[in-house]
Amino acid sequence: MKILALADHAEPKLWEHLDRRRLEGIDLIISCGDLPPSYLSFLTCFTHAPVLYVHGNHDARYEKDPPEGCVCIDGEVYVHEGVRIVGLGGSMRYRPNAPHQYTEREMARRLWRLRLALFCRRGVDILVTHSPAEGIGDDTDLAHRGFKTFLRFMDRYHPRYMLHGHEHIEYTHDFRRERQYGDTAVVNACGCCVIEIEPHRPAGKRGHP
């Protein structure tokens, strides 16, 4: 399965000057947050691939103007063609009562609520977040600090990929698209990038789990 991951910046070749070749062979589109809802809705018009998203810390506008034709997986376990996906959007809380911002404890509580769904799905293939994990492509200021909760998640469930945004290419001179944490390839989807993954097929079962 070929997945187009997006975050933070609307890619001009997909938005202002649509290059349809960028969408050829794409089976699924995943937004890691902080993108205009009109951008995601626009993409649904030019592909049959489902568009999934989690919220970024600047996505309060989605409450009144959600991206049409897209599926919110924030706080959910979602399965597409055998690929098991967990969505946990938002950033570290740096403003009181701001939407889509969480303390470490609040993010851990969100994950705890998914434990039964994760058990029933026998694990996860992709963790989709907005913020990075602590110490893996994050920054030192509170707004851009990563979550320890995501490290614990990867230690326990060993997803094949973690997709995130929040850390823009221009924030650092040492931007890295991909890092490795244990069994997990951690990918910063800022702008856009493509990953490929084989669906999970439980032993003795065929089709959608």
N, C-alpha and C. Protein backbone atom coordinates (compact mmCIF):
# COMPACT_ATOMS: atom_id res chain seq x y z
N MET A 1 0.84 -1.19 0.00
CA MET A 1 0.00 0.00 0.00
C MET A 1 0.88 1.25 0.00
N LYS A 2 0.55 2.18 -0.88
CA LYS A 2 1.31 3.42 -0.97
C LYS A 2 0.51 4.54 -0.30
N ILE A 3 1.15 5.22 0.65
CA ILE A 3 0.49 6.24 1.45
C ILE A 3 1.16 7.59 1.26
N LEU A 4 0.37 8.60 0.97
CA LEU A 4 0.86 9.98 0.89
C LEU A 4 0.62 10.65 2.23
N ALA A 5 1.69 11.03 2.92
CA ALA A 5 1.58 11.69 4.22
C ALA A 5 1.81 13.18 4.05
N LEU A 6 0.99 13.98 4.74
CA LEU A 6 1.02 15.44 4.63
C LEU A 6 1.08 16.07 6.01
N ALA A 7 1.65 17.28 6.08
CA ALA A 7 1.61 18.04 7.34
C ALA A 7 2.08 19.48 7.12
N ASP A 8 1.49 20.40 7.83
CA ASP A 8 1.99 21.75 8.07
C ASP A 8 1.98 22.72 6.89
N HIS A 9 2.43 22.29 5.73
CA HIS A 9 2.46 23.15 4.55
C HIS A 9 1.66 22.51 3.42
N ALA A 10 0.80 23.29 2.78
CA ALA A 10 0.12 22.80 1.59
C ALA A 10 1.12 22.75 0.44
N GLU A 11 1.41 21.58 -0.04
CA GLU A 11 2.41 21.39 -1.08
C GLU A 11 1.94 22.04 -2.39
N PRO A 12 2.68 23.01 -2.93
CA PRO A 12 2.24 23.71 -4.15
C PRO A 12 1.95 22.78 -5.33
N LYS A 13 2.71 21.69 -5.46
CA LYS A 13 2.49 20.79 -6.58
C LYS A 13 1.22 19.96 -6.43
N LEU A 14 0.63 19.98 -5.24
CA LEU A 14 -0.64 19.31 -5.01
C LEU A 14 -1.79 20.30 -4.84
N TRP A 15 -1.48 21.58 -4.73
CA TRP A 15 -2.46 22.58 -4.32
C TRP A 15 -2.57 23.71 -5.34
N GLU A 16 -1.57 24.54 -5.44
CA GLU A 16 -1.64 25.69 -6.35
C GLU A 16 -1.48 25.28 -7.81
N HIS A 17 -0.60 24.30 -8.05
CA HIS A 17 -0.34 23.84 -9.42
C HIS A 17 -0.40 22.31 -9.38
N LEU A 18 -1.62 21.79 -9.34
CA LEU A 18 -1.81 20.36 -9.14
C LEU A 18 -1.08 19.53 -10.21
N ASP A 19 -0.18 18.71 -9.74
CA ASP A 19 0.50 17.74 -10.60
C ASP A 19 -0.12 16.39 -10.28
N ARG A 20 -1.04 15.94 -11.12
CA ARG A 20 -1.78 14.71 -10.83
C ARG A 20 -0.86 13.49 -10.73
N ARG A 21 0.32 13.58 -11.29
CA ARG A 21 1.24 12.46 -11.19
C ARG A 21 1.61 12.17 -9.75
N ARG A 22 1.54 13.19 -8.90
CA ARG A 22 1.85 13.01 -7.47
C ARG A 22 0.84 12.08 -6.79
N LEU A 23 -0.35 11.95 -7.39
CA LEU A 23 -1.40 11.13 -6.79
C LEU A 23 -1.52 9.77 -7.44
N GLU A 24 -0.76 9.51 -8.49
CA GLU A 24 -0.84 8.22 -9.18
C GLU A 24 -0.35 7.10 -8.27
N GLY A 25 -1.14 6.05 -8.16
CA GLY A 25 -0.76 4.90 -7.35
C GLY A 25 -0.93 5.08 -5.86
N ILE A 26 -1.43 6.23 -5.42
CA ILE A 26 -1.62 6.48 -3.98
C ILE A 26 -2.90 5.77 -3.52
N ASP A 27 -2.77 4.95 -2.48
CA ASP A 27 -3.91 4.20 -1.95
C ASP A 27 -4.58 4.87 -0.76
N LEU A 28 -3.84 5.75 -0.07
CA LEU A 28 -4.35 6.38 1.14
C LEU A 28 -3.60 7.69 1.36
N ILE A 29 -4.31 8.71 1.83
CA ILE A 29 -3.70 9.99 2.17
C ILE A 29 -3.92 10.25 3.66
N ILE A 30 -2.85 10.61 4.35
CA ILE A 30 -2.95 10.87 5.79
C ILE A 30 -2.38 12.25 6.10
N SER A 31 -3.19 13.10 6.72
CA SER A 31 -2.73 14.42 7.17
C SER A 31 -2.37 14.36 8.65
N CYS A 32 -1.18 14.87 8.96
CA CYS A 32 -0.71 14.93 10.35
C CYS A 32 -0.98 16.28 10.99
N GLY A 33 -1.84 17.09 10.36
CA GLY A 33 -2.31 18.31 11.02
C GLY A 33 -1.73 19.60 10.51
N ASP A 34 -2.40 20.70 10.93
CA ASP A 34 -2.02 22.08 10.60
C ASP A 34 -2.06 22.35 9.09
N LEU A 35 -3.10 21.83 8.45
CA LEU A 35 -3.30 22.07 7.02
C LEU A 35 -4.67 22.69 6.79
N PRO A 36 -4.82 23.57 5.80
CA PRO A 36 -6.12 24.17 5.53
C PRO A 36 -7.15 23.09 5.19
N PRO A 37 -8.34 23.15 5.78
CA PRO A 37 -9.35 22.15 5.45
C PRO A 37 -9.71 22.13 3.96
N SER A 38 -9.63 23.29 3.31
CA SER A 38 -9.94 23.35 1.89
C SER A 38 -8.92 22.56 1.06
N TYR A 39 -7.68 22.50 1.54
CA TYR A 39 -6.62 21.74 0.86
C TYR A 39 -6.94 20.25 0.87
N LEU A 40 -7.33 19.74 2.04
CA LEU A 40 -7.66 18.32 2.13
C LEU A 40 -8.90 18.00 1.32
N SER A 41 -9.90 18.87 1.38
CA SER A 41 -11.12 18.66 0.59
C SER A 41 -10.81 18.68 -0.89
N PHE A 42 -9.92 19.57 -1.31
CA PHE A 42 -9.51 19.68 -2.71
C PHE A 42 -8.93 18.36 -3.20
N LEU A 43 -8.10 17.72 -2.38
CA LEU A 43 -7.47 16.48 -2.79
C LEU A 43 -8.48 15.36 -3.01
N THR A 44 -9.57 15.36 -2.26
CA THR A 44 -10.57 14.31 -2.43
C THR A 44 -11.21 14.35 -3.82
N CYS A 45 -11.12 15.47 -4.48
CA CYS A 45 -11.74 15.62 -5.81
C CYS A 45 -10.90 14.98 -6.91
N PHE A 46 -9.65 14.63 -6.61
CA PHE A 46 -8.74 14.16 -7.65
C PHE A 46 -8.16 12.78 -7.37
N THR A 47 -8.72 12.09 -6.38
CA THR A 47 -8.25 10.76 -6.07
C THR A 47 -9.38 9.96 -5.44
N HIS A 48 -9.31 8.65 -5.63
CA HIS A 48 -10.24 7.76 -4.95
C HIS A 48 -9.70 7.31 -3.59
N ALA A 49 -8.47 7.69 -3.29
CA ALA A 49 -7.87 7.31 -2.02
C ALA A 49 -8.55 8.04 -0.87
N PRO A 50 -8.92 7.34 0.20
CA PRO A 50 -9.47 8.03 1.38
C PRO A 50 -8.47 9.02 1.95
N VAL A 51 -8.96 10.12 2.50
CA VAL A 51 -8.12 11.13 3.15
C VAL A 51 -8.43 11.11 4.64
N LEU A 52 -7.46 10.73 5.44
CA LEU A 52 -7.59 10.67 6.90
C LEU A 52 -6.82 11.83 7.51
N TYR A 53 -7.24 12.27 8.72
CA TYR A 53 -6.50 13.36 9.35
C TYR A 53 -6.60 13.32 10.87
N VAL A 54 -5.58 13.89 11.49
CA VAL A 54 -5.62 14.24 12.91
C VAL A 54 -5.48 15.76 13.00
N HIS A 55 -5.78 16.32 14.15
CA HIS A 55 -5.70 17.77 14.33
C HIS A 55 -4.29 18.20 14.71
N GLY A 56 -3.88 19.33 14.16
CA GLY A 56 -2.69 20.01 14.64
C GLY A 56 -3.09 21.03 15.69
N ASN A 57 -2.11 21.68 16.28
CA ASN A 57 -2.42 22.67 17.32
C ASN A 57 -3.03 23.94 16.77
N HIS A 58 -3.03 24.12 15.45
CA HIS A 58 -3.63 25.29 14.83
C HIS A 58 -4.92 24.95 14.08
N ASP A 59 -5.53 23.83 14.43
CA ASP A 59 -6.70 23.36 13.67
C ASP A 59 -8.03 23.57 14.37
N ALA A 60 -8.12 24.59 15.20
CA ALA A 60 -9.41 24.91 15.84
C ALA A 60 -10.46 25.23 14.79
N ARG A 61 -10.04 25.73 13.63
CA ARG A 61 -10.96 26.07 12.54
C ARG A 61 -11.74 24.85 12.04
N TYR A 62 -11.22 23.66 12.28
CA TYR A 62 -11.90 22.46 11.82
C TYR A 62 -13.25 22.26 12.52
N GLU A 63 -13.40 22.85 13.70
CA GLU A 63 -14.65 22.67 14.43
C GLU A 63 -15.82 23.24 13.65
N LYS A 64 -15.62 24.37 13.00
CA LYS A 64 -16.68 25.01 12.21
C LYS A 64 -16.57 24.69 10.72
N ASP A 65 -15.37 24.35 10.29
CA ASP A 65 -15.13 24.14 8.87
C ASP A 65 -14.27 22.91 8.66
N PRO A 66 -14.82 21.71 8.93
CA PRO A 66 -14.02 20.50 8.78
C PRO A 66 -13.77 20.20 7.30
N PRO A 67 -12.70 19.51 6.99
CA PRO A 67 -12.43 19.16 5.59
C PRO A 67 -13.48 18.18 5.07
N GLU A 68 -14.19 18.58 4.03
CA GLU A 68 -15.28 17.77 3.50
C GLU A 68 -14.75 16.53 2.79
N GLY A 69 -15.44 15.42 3.01
CA GLY A 69 -15.08 14.18 2.36
C GLY A 69 -13.91 13.46 2.99
N CYS A 70 -13.44 13.95 4.13
CA CYS A 70 -12.28 13.36 4.82
C CYS A 70 -12.73 12.69 6.12
N VAL A 71 -11.89 11.85 6.66
CA VAL A 71 -12.22 11.09 7.87
C VAL A 71 -11.28 11.48 9.00
N CYS A 72 -11.85 11.93 10.11
CA CYS A 72 -11.05 12.26 11.29
C CYS A 72 -10.75 10.98 12.07
N ILE A 73 -9.48 10.71 12.30
CA ILE A 73 -9.08 9.53 13.06
C ILE A 73 -8.45 9.92 14.39
N ASP A 74 -8.62 11.18 14.79
CA ASP A 74 -8.03 11.66 16.03
C ASP A 74 -8.67 10.98 17.23
N GLY A 75 -7.87 10.28 18.00
CA GLY A 75 -8.40 9.55 19.15
C GLY A 75 -9.07 8.24 18.77
N GLU A 76 -8.75 7.71 17.59
CA GLU A 76 -9.40 6.50 17.08
C GLU A 76 -8.37 5.47 16.64
N VAL A 77 -8.84 4.23 16.56
CA VAL A 77 -8.11 3.16 15.87
C VAL A 77 -8.88 2.88 14.58
N TYR A 78 -8.22 3.06 13.46
CA TYR A 78 -8.87 2.98 12.15
C TYR A 78 -8.14 1.94 11.31
N VAL A 79 -8.90 1.12 10.60
CA VAL A 79 -8.30 0.09 9.76
C VAL A 79 -8.69 0.33 8.31
N HIS A 80 -7.68 0.39 7.45
CA HIS A 80 -7.94 0.54 6.01
C HIS A 80 -7.21 -0.56 5.26
N GLU A 81 -7.99 -1.43 4.65
CA GLU A 81 -7.44 -2.51 3.84
C GLU A 81 -6.35 -3.28 4.58
N GLY A 82 -6.63 -3.57 5.84
CA GLY A 82 -5.71 -4.37 6.64
C GLY A 82 -4.61 -3.60 7.34
N VAL A 83 -4.48 -2.29 7.08
CA VAL A 83 -3.48 -1.46 7.76
C VAL A 83 -4.13 -0.81 8.98
N ARG A 84 -3.60 -1.08 10.15
CA ARG A 84 -4.16 -0.60 11.41
C ARG A 84 -3.48 0.72 11.80
N ILE A 85 -4.30 1.74 11.99
CA ILE A 85 -3.79 3.10 12.18
C ILE A 85 -4.36 3.70 13.46
N VAL A 86 -3.50 4.29 14.26
CA VAL A 86 -3.93 5.01 15.47
C VAL A 86 -3.66 6.50 15.26
N GLY A 87 -4.66 7.34 15.55
CA GLY A 87 -4.51 8.78 15.42
C GLY A 87 -4.52 9.48 16.77
N LEU A 88 -3.48 10.27 17.04
CA LEU A 88 -3.39 11.05 18.28
C LEU A 88 -2.83 12.43 17.93
N GLY A 89 -3.70 13.34 17.55
CA GLY A 89 -3.28 14.67 17.13
C GLY A 89 -2.99 15.60 18.30
N GLY A 90 -2.67 16.85 17.97
CA GLY A 90 -2.43 17.86 18.99
C GLY A 90 -0.98 18.00 19.38
N SER A 91 -0.71 19.05 20.15
CA SER A 91 0.65 19.34 20.61
C SER A 91 0.68 19.42 22.13
N MET A 92 1.87 19.63 22.66
CA MET A 92 2.01 19.89 24.09
C MET A 92 1.27 21.17 24.44
N ARG A 93 0.59 21.16 25.59
CA ARG A 93 -0.17 22.35 25.98
C ARG A 93 0.76 23.50 26.37
N TYR A 94 0.61 24.62 25.65
CA TYR A 94 1.38 25.81 25.97
C TYR A 94 0.50 27.03 26.18
N ARG A 95 -0.83 26.85 25.99
CA ARG A 95 -1.80 27.91 26.30
C ARG A 95 -2.97 27.28 27.05
N PRO A 96 -3.38 27.87 28.16
CA PRO A 96 -4.48 27.29 28.94
C PRO A 96 -5.75 27.18 28.11
N ASN A 97 -6.38 26.02 28.19
CA ASN A 97 -7.70 25.77 27.57
C ASN A 97 -7.70 25.86 26.04
N ALA A 98 -6.55 25.89 25.41
CA ALA A 98 -6.51 25.93 23.95
C ALA A 98 -6.90 24.56 23.39
N PRO A 99 -7.65 24.53 22.29
CA PRO A 99 -8.03 23.24 21.69
C PRO A 99 -6.83 22.52 21.08
N HIS A 100 -6.89 21.19 21.11
CA HIS A 100 -5.88 20.34 20.50
C HIS A 100 -4.48 20.56 21.10
N GLN A 101 -4.46 20.87 22.39
CA GLN A 101 -3.22 20.93 23.14
C GLN A 101 -3.41 20.10 24.41
N TYR A 102 -2.37 19.37 24.80
CA TYR A 102 -2.49 18.40 25.89
C TYR A 102 -1.25 18.41 26.78
N THR A 103 -1.46 18.17 28.05
CA THR A 103 -0.33 17.88 28.93
C THR A 103 0.11 16.44 28.67
N GLU A 104 1.24 16.08 29.20
CA GLU A 104 1.71 14.70 29.06
C GLU A 104 0.69 13.73 29.63
N ARG A 105 0.12 14.06 30.77
CA ARG A 105 -0.86 13.18 31.41
C ARG A 105 -2.12 13.07 30.57
N GLU A 106 -2.56 14.16 29.99
CA GLU A 106 -3.76 14.13 29.15
C GLU A 106 -3.56 13.27 27.90
N MET A 107 -2.38 13.36 27.30
CA MET A 107 -2.11 12.52 26.13
C MET A 107 -2.05 11.05 26.52
N ALA A 108 -1.45 10.77 27.65
CA ALA A 108 -1.39 9.38 28.13
C ALA A 108 -2.80 8.84 28.38
N ARG A 109 -3.68 9.69 28.88
CA ARG A 109 -5.06 9.27 29.12
C ARG A 109 -5.79 8.98 27.81
N ARG A 110 -5.51 9.78 26.78
CA ARG A 110 -6.12 9.52 25.47
C ARG A 110 -5.69 8.15 24.94
N LEU A 111 -4.43 7.84 25.11
CA LEU A 111 -3.93 6.55 24.66
C LEU A 111 -4.54 5.41 25.47
N TRP A 112 -4.69 5.61 26.77
CA TRP A 112 -5.25 4.57 27.65
C TRP A 112 -6.66 4.19 27.20
N ARG A 113 -7.42 5.16 26.69
CA ARG A 113 -8.78 4.89 26.24
C ARG A 113 -8.82 3.99 25.00
N LEU A 114 -7.70 3.84 24.32
CA LEU A 114 -7.66 3.04 23.11
C LEU A 114 -7.19 1.61 23.35
N ARG A 115 -6.91 1.27 24.59
CA ARG A 115 -6.26 -0.01 24.87
C ARG A 115 -7.11 -1.20 24.42
N LEU A 116 -8.45 -1.14 24.60
CA LEU A 116 -9.30 -2.26 24.19
C LEU A 116 -9.33 -2.39 22.68
N ALA A 117 -9.46 -1.27 21.98
CA ALA A 117 -9.47 -1.30 20.52
C ALA A 117 -8.16 -1.84 19.98
N LEU A 118 -7.04 -1.46 20.61
CA LEU A 118 -5.73 -1.96 20.19
C LEU A 118 -5.61 -3.46 20.43
N PHE A 119 -6.16 -3.90 21.55
CA PHE A 119 -6.14 -5.34 21.86
C PHE A 119 -6.96 -6.11 20.83
N CYS A 120 -8.13 -5.60 20.49
CA CYS A 120 -9.00 -6.28 19.52
C CYS A 120 -8.38 -6.33 18.13
N ARG A 121 -7.61 -5.30 17.79
CA ARG A 121 -6.97 -5.27 16.47
C ARG A 121 -5.60 -5.94 16.48
N ARG A 122 -5.20 -6.44 17.61
CA ARG A 122 -3.92 -7.15 17.75
C ARG A 122 -2.74 -6.28 17.37
N GLY A 123 -2.80 -5.03 17.79
CA GLY A 123 -1.67 -4.14 17.56
C GLY A 123 -1.97 -3.04 16.57
N VAL A 124 -0.91 -2.43 16.05
CA VAL A 124 -1.05 -1.27 15.18
C VAL A 124 0.12 -1.25 14.19
N ASP A 125 -0.14 -0.75 13.00
CA ASP A 125 0.90 -0.63 11.98
C ASP A 125 1.45 0.79 11.88
N ILE A 126 0.58 1.79 12.03
CA ILE A 126 1.00 3.19 11.88
C ILE A 126 0.43 4.03 13.02
N LEU A 127 1.29 4.76 13.69
CA LEU A 127 0.88 5.77 14.67
C LEU A 127 0.94 7.12 13.96
N VAL A 128 -0.20 7.82 13.92
CA VAL A 128 -0.28 9.14 13.28
C VAL A 128 -0.47 10.19 14.37
N THR A 129 0.45 11.14 14.45
CA THR A 129 0.37 12.20 15.44
C THR A 129 0.63 13.54 14.76
N HIS A 130 0.45 14.62 15.51
CA HIS A 130 0.91 15.91 15.01
C HIS A 130 2.29 16.20 15.58
N SER A 131 2.41 16.09 16.88
CA SER A 131 3.71 16.34 17.53
C SER A 131 4.62 15.12 17.42
N PRO A 132 5.92 15.34 17.46
CA PRO A 132 6.85 14.21 17.49
C PRO A 132 6.89 13.58 18.88
N ALA A 133 7.65 12.51 18.98
CA ALA A 133 7.92 11.91 20.28
C ALA A 133 9.09 12.65 20.93
N GLU A 134 9.16 12.58 22.24
CA GLU A 134 10.22 13.29 22.96
C GLU A 134 11.60 12.78 22.51
N GLY A 135 12.45 13.73 22.11
CA GLY A 135 13.82 13.40 21.76
C GLY A 135 14.01 12.87 20.36
N ILE A 136 12.93 12.79 19.56
CA ILE A 136 13.05 12.27 18.20
C ILE A 136 12.53 13.33 17.24
N GLY A 137 13.36 14.31 16.93
CA GLY A 137 12.98 15.36 16.00
C GLY A 137 12.13 16.45 16.60
N ASP A 138 12.10 16.55 17.94
CA ASP A 138 11.34 17.62 18.58
C ASP A 138 12.27 18.79 18.88
N ASP A 139 11.77 19.78 19.66
CA ASP A 139 12.58 20.94 20.02
C ASP A 139 12.50 21.14 21.52
N THR A 140 13.23 22.12 22.02
CA THR A 140 13.34 22.30 23.47
C THR A 140 12.25 23.19 24.06
N ASP A 141 11.63 24.08 23.24
CA ASP A 141 10.58 24.93 23.79
C ASP A 141 9.31 24.12 24.00
N LEU A 142 8.48 24.55 24.96
CA LEU A 142 7.31 23.77 25.36
C LEU A 142 6.39 23.48 24.19
N ALA A 143 6.15 24.46 23.33
CA ALA A 143 5.20 24.28 22.23
C ALA A 143 5.63 23.18 21.27
N HIS A 144 6.94 22.95 21.17
CA HIS A 144 7.44 21.98 20.20
C HIS A 144 8.12 20.78 20.84
N ARG A 145 7.93 20.64 22.14
CA ARG A 145 8.47 19.48 22.84
C ARG A 145 7.62 18.25 22.51
N GLY A 146 8.28 17.12 22.31
CA GLY A 146 7.56 15.89 21.99
C GLY A 146 7.03 15.19 23.24
N PHE A 147 6.18 14.18 23.01
CA PHE A 147 5.53 13.46 24.10
C PHE A 147 6.26 12.17 24.44
N LYS A 148 6.51 11.97 25.75
CA LYS A 148 7.04 10.70 26.22
C LYS A 148 6.04 9.57 25.97
N THR A 149 4.77 9.90 26.00
CA THR A 149 3.71 8.91 25.77
C THR A 149 3.92 8.17 24.45
N PHE A 150 4.38 8.87 23.43
CA PHE A 150 4.59 8.23 22.13
C PHE A 150 5.75 7.25 22.18
N LEU A 151 6.76 7.54 22.99
CA LEU A 151 7.86 6.59 23.17
C LEU A 151 7.35 5.31 23.82
N ARG A 152 6.54 5.46 24.85
CA ARG A 152 5.98 4.29 25.53
C ARG A 152 5.10 3.49 24.59
N PHE A 153 4.35 4.21 23.74
CA PHE A 153 3.49 3.53 22.77
C PHE A 153 4.34 2.67 21.83
N MET A 154 5.41 3.25 21.29
CA MET A 154 6.26 2.50 20.36
C MET A 154 6.97 1.34 21.05
N ASP A 155 7.37 1.54 22.30
CA ASP A 155 8.01 0.47 23.06
C ASP A 155 7.07 -0.72 23.25
N ARG A 156 5.79 -0.44 23.41
CA ARG A 156 4.82 -1.50 23.70
C ARG A 156 4.25 -2.15 22.44
N TYR A 157 3.90 -1.32 21.43
CA TYR A 157 3.17 -1.84 20.28
C TYR A 157 4.02 -2.01 19.01
N HIS A 158 5.18 -1.42 18.96
CA HIS A 158 6.10 -1.59 17.83
C HIS A 158 5.45 -1.34 16.48
N PRO A 159 4.82 -0.18 16.29
CA PRO A 159 4.27 0.11 14.95
C PRO A 159 5.39 0.19 13.93
N ARG A 160 5.06 -0.11 12.69
CA ARG A 160 6.09 -0.05 11.65
C ARG A 160 6.45 1.39 11.31
N TYR A 161 5.47 2.29 11.44
CA TYR A 161 5.71 3.70 11.17
C TYR A 161 5.07 4.57 12.24
N MET A 162 5.72 5.69 12.52
CA MET A 162 5.10 6.82 13.21
C MET A 162 5.20 8.00 12.26
N LEU A 163 4.05 8.60 11.93
CA LEU A 163 4.01 9.78 11.07
C LEU A 163 3.64 10.98 11.92
N HIS A 164 4.38 12.08 11.79
CA HIS A 164 4.08 13.28 12.56
C HIS A 164 4.40 14.51 11.72
N GLY A 165 4.04 15.67 12.25
CA GLY A 165 4.38 16.95 11.64
C GLY A 165 4.94 17.87 12.71
N HIS A 166 4.44 19.12 12.73
CA HIS A 166 4.72 20.09 13.79
C HIS A 166 6.11 20.72 13.71
N GLU A 167 7.12 19.93 13.39
CA GLU A 167 8.48 20.45 13.27
C GLU A 167 8.74 20.75 11.79
N HIS A 168 8.69 22.03 11.44
CA HIS A 168 8.80 22.44 10.04
C HIS A 168 10.25 22.32 9.54
N ILE A 169 10.36 22.18 8.24
CA ILE A 169 11.69 22.07 7.63
C ILE A 169 12.55 23.29 7.95
N GLU A 170 11.92 24.48 7.94
CA GLU A 170 12.68 25.71 8.14
C GLU A 170 13.02 25.98 9.61
N TYR A 171 12.53 25.13 10.53
CA TYR A 171 12.83 25.34 11.94
C TYR A 171 14.27 24.97 12.30
N THR A 172 14.92 24.19 11.47
CA THR A 172 16.24 23.69 11.83
C THR A 172 17.11 23.55 10.58
N HIS A 173 18.42 23.67 10.76
CA HIS A 173 19.34 23.44 9.65
C HIS A 173 19.63 21.96 9.48
N ASP A 174 19.15 21.15 10.43
CA ASP A 174 19.45 19.72 10.43
C ASP A 174 18.17 18.90 10.31
N PHE A 175 17.28 19.32 9.41
CA PHE A 175 16.02 18.60 9.23
C PHE A 175 16.28 17.20 8.70
N ARG A 176 15.62 16.22 9.31
CA ARG A 176 15.71 14.84 8.83
C ARG A 176 14.30 14.32 8.61
N ARG A 177 14.07 13.78 7.43
CA ARG A 177 12.74 13.25 7.10
C ARG A 177 12.43 12.01 7.91
N GLU A 178 13.43 11.16 8.11
CA GLU A 178 13.17 9.88 8.76
C GLU A 178 14.22 9.57 9.82
N ARG A 179 13.76 9.06 10.94
CA ARG A 179 14.62 8.56 12.00
C ARG A 179 14.12 7.18 12.40
N GLN A 180 14.95 6.43 13.09
CA GLN A 180 14.56 5.10 13.54
C GLN A 180 14.50 5.05 15.05
N TYR A 181 13.43 4.46 15.58
CA TYR A 181 13.31 4.24 17.02
C TYR A 181 12.88 2.79 17.20
N GLY A 182 13.81 1.96 17.60
CA GLY A 182 13.50 0.53 17.75
C GLY A 182 13.04 -0.04 16.42
N ASP A 183 11.85 -0.65 16.42
CA ASP A 183 11.29 -1.24 15.21
C ASP A 183 10.51 -0.24 14.36
N THR A 184 10.45 1.01 14.78
CA THR A 184 9.58 2.00 14.15
C THR A 184 10.35 3.03 13.35
N ALA A 185 9.97 3.21 12.10
CA ALA A 185 10.48 4.31 11.28
C ALA A 185 9.66 5.55 11.60
N VAL A 186 10.31 6.58 12.14
CA VAL A 186 9.63 7.81 12.54
C VAL A 186 9.82 8.83 11.41
N VAL A 187 8.71 9.25 10.80
CA VAL A 187 8.75 10.08 9.60
C VAL A 187 8.10 11.44 9.86
N ASN A 188 8.84 12.50 9.61
CA ASN A 188 8.30 13.86 9.66
C ASN A 188 7.67 14.14 8.30
N ALA A 189 6.36 14.31 8.28
CA ALA A 189 5.62 14.46 7.02
C ALA A 189 5.48 15.90 6.57
N CYS A 190 6.22 16.83 7.17
CA CYS A 190 6.11 18.25 6.81
C CYS A 190 6.15 18.41 5.29
N GLY A 191 5.17 19.13 4.74
CA GLY A 191 5.01 19.21 3.29
C GLY A 191 4.32 17.96 2.82
N CYS A 192 5.06 17.04 2.23
CA CYS A 192 4.50 15.74 1.84
C CYS A 192 5.60 14.74 1.62
N CYS A 193 5.27 13.47 1.79
CA CYS A 193 6.19 12.38 1.50
C CYS A 193 5.37 11.12 1.29
N VAL A 194 5.98 10.10 0.75
CA VAL A 194 5.29 8.85 0.46
C VAL A 194 5.97 7.71 1.21
N ILE A 195 5.16 6.86 1.84
CA ILE A 195 5.66 5.63 2.45
C ILE A 195 4.91 4.46 1.85
N GLU A 196 5.48 3.27 1.97
CA GLU A 196 4.82 2.06 1.50
C GLU A 196 4.81 1.04 2.63
N ILE A 197 3.71 0.32 2.74
CA ILE A 197 3.54 -0.63 3.83
C ILE A 197 2.67 -1.78 3.36
N GLU A 198 2.99 -2.98 3.83
CA GLU A 198 2.17 -4.14 3.53
C GLU A 198 1.09 -4.28 4.59
N PRO A 199 -0.16 -4.57 4.18
CA PRO A 199 -1.24 -4.73 5.16
C PRO A 199 -0.97 -5.87 6.13
N HIS A 200 -1.47 -5.72 7.33
CA HIS A 200 -1.40 -6.77 8.35
C HIS A 200 -2.48 -7.79 8.05
N ARG A 201 -2.10 -9.06 8.00
CA ARG A 201 -3.06 -10.13 7.76
C ARG A 201 -2.97 -11.15 8.91
N PRO A 202 -3.95 -11.14 9.84
CA PRO A 202 -3.92 -12.10 10.93
C PRO A 202 -3.89 -13.53 10.42
N ALA A 203 -3.18 -14.42 11.10
CA ALA A 203 -3.09 -15.80 10.69
C ALA A 203 -4.47 -16.43 10.60
N GLY A 204 -4.73 -17.10 9.49
CA GLY A 204 -6.00 -17.80 9.32
C GLY A 204 -7.13 -16.92 8.86
N LYS A 205 -6.86 -15.62 8.57
CA LYS A 205 -7.92 -14.71 8.16
C LYS A 205 -7.56 -14.05 6.84
N ARG A 206 -8.59 -13.68 6.12
CA ARG A 206 -8.38 -12.97 4.87
C ARG A 206 -9.22 -11.70 4.86
N GLY A 207 -8.77 -10.75 4.06
CA GLY A 207 -9.55 -9.52 3.91
C GLY A 207 -9.45 -8.62 5.11
N HIS A 208 -10.47 -7.79 5.29
CA HIS A 208 -10.51 -6.77 6.34
C HIS A 208 -10.59 -7.44 7.70
N PRO A 209 -9.69 -7.11 8.64
CA PRO A 209 -9.73 -7.75 9.97
C PRO A 209 -10.95 -7.30 10.75
